[in-house]
Amino acid sequence: MVDKKHLEEEAKATLEQAKGALKETAGGILANPALAAEGQAERELGEELKRDERRRTASQPD
C-alpha cells in the first residue's frame, strides 16, 4: 500500500525534476549557461530524490 508521505515525496521530486528541466531548457534558449547549469543540478536532484524515495519504500515491509 502506498502511503500519503510517499506520494508527497514523489510529487516533490517530480516537481524538482520539472523545474530543473524548464530552467535547463530556458538556459539553452537564452544562451545562459549559468541558468542551464542550475537547471541541470535541480533536475538531477529531483532524479536522486525520486530514486531514494523508491528505494526507501521498496525496503519497507508490506
Foldseek 3Di string as FASTA:
>chain_A
DDDPVLVVQLVVLVVQLVQLVVQLVVCVVVVNVVSNVSSVVSNVVSVVSNVVSVVVVVPDDD
